């Protein structure tokens, strides 16, 4: 019986892919969080407190900027090659 290589990806490429997934989901999460105050309804007889809504929106905006900065730093320039599936520390293949 022939022994197969492990199915698992190298850590570096796996983490890079998860960071890319997070960067793709960040705008969707941001849109949801920005639209969330629409569903807040004040109790009867209470006026709508727009100051609280604006503070919430600016806090979410700043948090999204921070998360985008963290994700972009982890992604880097994208020029570095991914490691081969077999070994993480394997040197890149030589080109003729």
C-alpha atoms as a PDB file:
ATOM      1  CA  UNK A   1       0.000   0.000   0.000  1.00  0.00           C
ATOM      2  CA  UNK A   2       1.392   3.377  -1.011  1.00  0.00           C
ATOM      3  CA  UNK A   3       1.765   5.938   1.755  1.00  0.00           C
ATOM      4  CA  UNK A   4       0.209   9.319   0.966  1.00  0.00           C
ATOM      5  CA  UNK A   5       1.474  12.735   1.992  1.00  0.00           C
ATOM      6  CA  UNK A   6      -0.440  14.462   4.790  1.00  0.00           C
ATOM      7  CA  UNK A   7      -3.513  16.420   3.787  1.00  0.00           C
ATOM      8  CA  UNK A   8      -2.636  19.342   6.041  1.00  0.00           C
ATOM      9  CA  UNK A   9      -1.267  22.578   4.640  1.00  0.00           C
ATOM     10  CA  UNK A  10       1.876  24.280   5.818  1.00  0.00           C
ATOM     11  CA  UNK A  11       1.265  26.668   8.692  1.00  0.00           C
ATOM     12  CA  UNK A  12       2.428  29.743   6.847  1.00  0.00           C
ATOM     13  CA  UNK A  13       0.185  29.234   3.834  1.00  0.00           C
ATOM     14  CA  UNK A  14      -2.741  28.232   6.065  1.00  0.00           C
ATOM     15  CA  UNK A  15      -2.432  31.398   8.165  1.00  0.00           C
ATOM     16  CA  UNK A  16      -2.057  33.539   5.065  1.00  0.00           C
ATOM     17  CA  UNK A  17      -5.248  32.072   3.635  1.00  0.00           C
ATOM     18  CA  UNK A  18      -7.149  32.659   6.881  1.00  0.00           C
ATOM     19  CA  UNK A  19      -5.929  36.281   6.942  1.00  0.00           C
ATOM     20  CA  UNK A  20      -7.172  36.705   3.388  1.00  0.00           C
ATOM     21  CA  UNK A  21     -10.529  35.246   4.400  1.00  0.00           C
ATOM     22  CA  UNK A  22     -10.712  37.683   7.309  1.00  0.00           C
ATOM     23  CA  UNK A  23      -9.886  40.590   5.017  1.00  0.00           C
ATOM     24  CA  UNK A  24     -12.669  39.514   2.662  1.00  0.00           C
ATOM     25  CA  UNK A  25     -15.224  39.240   5.484  1.00  0.00           C
ATOM     26  CA  UNK A  26     -14.316  42.547   7.137  1.00  0.00           C
ATOM     27  CA  UNK A  27     -16.467  44.719   4.815  1.00  0.00           C
ATOM     28  CA  UNK A  28     -19.474  42.442   5.334  1.00  0.00           C
ATOM     29  CA  UNK A  29     -19.093  42.544   9.098  1.00  0.00           C
ATOM     30  CA  UNK A  30     -18.655  46.323   8.917  1.00  0.00           C
ATOM     31  CA  UNK A  31     -21.813  46.750   6.851  1.00  0.00           C
ATOM     32  CA  UNK A  32     -23.774  44.658   9.339  1.00  0.00           C
ATOM     33  CA  UNK A  33     -22.435  46.630  12.300  1.00  0.00           C
ATOM     34  CA  UNK A  34     -23.150  49.959  10.574  1.00  0.00           C
ATOM     35  CA  UNK A  35     -26.747  48.965   9.849  1.00  0.00           C
ATOM     36  CA  UNK A  36     -27.361  47.589  13.346  1.00  0.00           C
ATOM     37  CA  UNK A  37     -28.557  50.936  14.852  1.00  0.00           C
ATOM     38  CA  UNK A  38     -31.509  50.879  12.448  1.00  0.00           C
ATOM     39  CA  UNK A  39     -32.963  48.042  14.500  1.00  0.00           C
ATOM     40  CA  UNK A  40     -32.622  49.858  17.828  1.00  0.00           C
ATOM     41  CA  UNK A  41     -36.032  51.156  18.794  1.00  0.00           C
ATOM     42  CA  UNK A  42     -36.536  53.338  21.830  1.00  0.00           C
ATOM     43  CA  UNK A  43     -39.238  52.463  24.322  1.00  0.00           C
ATOM     44  CA  UNK A  44     -42.549  54.256  24.009  1.00  0.00           C
ATOM     45  CA  UNK A  45     -42.471  57.832  25.194  1.00  0.00           C
ATOM     46  CA  UNK A  46     -38.651  58.024  25.014  1.00  0.00           C
ATOM     47  CA  UNK A  47     -37.066  60.164  22.295  1.00  0.00           C
ATOM     48  CA  UNK A  48     -34.478  58.550  20.048  1.00  0.00           C
ATOM     49  CA  UNK A  49     -30.966  59.230  21.401  1.00  0.00           C
ATOM     50  CA  UNK A  50     -28.954  60.022  18.268  1.00  0.00           C
ATOM     51  CA  UNK A  51     -25.813  60.912  20.234  1.00  0.00           C
ATOM     52  CA  UNK A  52     -25.470  57.299  21.358  1.00  0.00           C
ATOM     53  CA  UNK A  53     -25.918  56.127  17.767  1.00  0.00           C
ATOM     54  CA  UNK A  54     -23.221  58.467  16.463  1.00  0.00           C
ATOM     55  CA  UNK A  55     -20.772  57.420  19.179  1.00  0.00           C
ATOM     56  CA  UNK A  56     -21.459  53.792  18.267  1.00  0.00           C
ATOM     57  CA  UNK A  57     -20.889  54.453  14.551  1.00  0.00           C
ATOM     58  CA  UNK A  58     -17.598  56.249  15.114  1.00  0.00           C
ATOM     59  CA  UNK A  59     -16.396  53.524  17.500  1.00  0.00           C
ATOM     60  CA  UNK A  60     -17.192  50.855  14.896  1.00  0.00           C
ATOM     61  CA  UNK A  61     -15.493  52.924  12.202  1.00  0.00           C
ATOM     62  CA  UNK A  62     -12.301  53.240  14.265  1.00  0.00           C
ATOM     63  CA  UNK A  63     -12.387  49.537  15.164  1.00  0.00           C
ATOM     64  CA  UNK A  64     -12.723  48.574  11.491  1.00  0.00           C
ATOM     65  CA  UNK A  65      -9.767  50.795  10.582  1.00  0.00           C
ATOM     66  CA  UNK A  66      -7.687  49.139  13.304  1.00  0.00           C
ATOM     67  CA  UNK A  67      -8.665  45.630  12.218  1.00  0.00           C
ATOM     68  CA  UNK A  68      -7.889  46.456   8.580  1.00  0.00           C
ATOM     69  CA  UNK A  69      -4.453  47.752   9.606  1.00  0.00           C
ATOM     70  CA  UNK A  70      -3.722  44.582  11.573  1.00  0.00           C
ATOM     71  CA  UNK A  71      -4.878  42.343   8.730  1.00  0.00           C
ATOM     72  CA  UNK A  72      -2.914  44.282   6.102  1.00  0.00           C
ATOM     73  CA  UNK A  73       0.257  44.064   8.169  1.00  0.00           C
ATOM     74  CA  UNK A  74      -0.183  40.311   8.463  1.00  0.00           C
ATOM     75  CA  UNK A  75      -0.782  39.940   4.747  1.00  0.00           C
ATOM     76  CA  UNK A  76       2.318  41.902   3.784  1.00  0.00           C
ATOM     77  CA  UNK A  77       2.993  42.844   0.196  1.00  0.00           C
ATOM     78  CA  UNK A  78       1.930  39.496  -1.225  1.00  0.00           C
ATOM     79  CA  UNK A  79       5.210  39.122  -3.112  1.00  0.00           C
ATOM     80  CA  UNK A  80       6.611  36.364  -0.930  1.00  0.00           C
ATOM     81  CA  UNK A  81       6.025  32.898  -2.320  1.00  0.00           C
ATOM     82  CA  UNK A  82       3.968  30.377  -0.432  1.00  0.00           C
ATOM     83  CA  UNK A  83       5.752  27.353   0.965  1.00  0.00           C
ATOM     84  CA  UNK A  84       5.243  24.039  -0.826  1.00  0.00           C
ATOM     85  CA  UNK A  85       2.590  21.744   0.608  1.00  0.00           C
ATOM     86  CA  UNK A  86       5.107  19.190   1.849  1.00  0.00           C
ATOM     87  CA  UNK A  87       7.483  21.237   3.968  1.00  0.00           C
ATOM     88  CA  UNK A  88       7.325  24.730   5.364  1.00  0.00           C
ATOM     89  CA  UNK A  89      11.097  25.240   5.413  1.00  0.00           C
ATOM     90  CA  UNK A  90      11.758  23.835   1.935  1.00  0.00           C
ATOM     91  CA  UNK A  91      13.736  26.154  -0.341  1.00  0.00           C
ATOM     92  CA  UNK A  92      11.953  27.518  -3.408  1.00  0.00           C
ATOM     93  CA  UNK A  93      12.479  25.504  -6.589  1.00  0.00           C
ATOM     94  CA  UNK A  94      15.352  26.657  -8.779  1.00  0.00           C
ATOM     95  CA  UNK A  95      14.474  28.107 -12.145  1.00  0.00           C
ATOM     96  CA  UNK A  96      16.696  27.390 -15.177  1.00  0.00           C
END
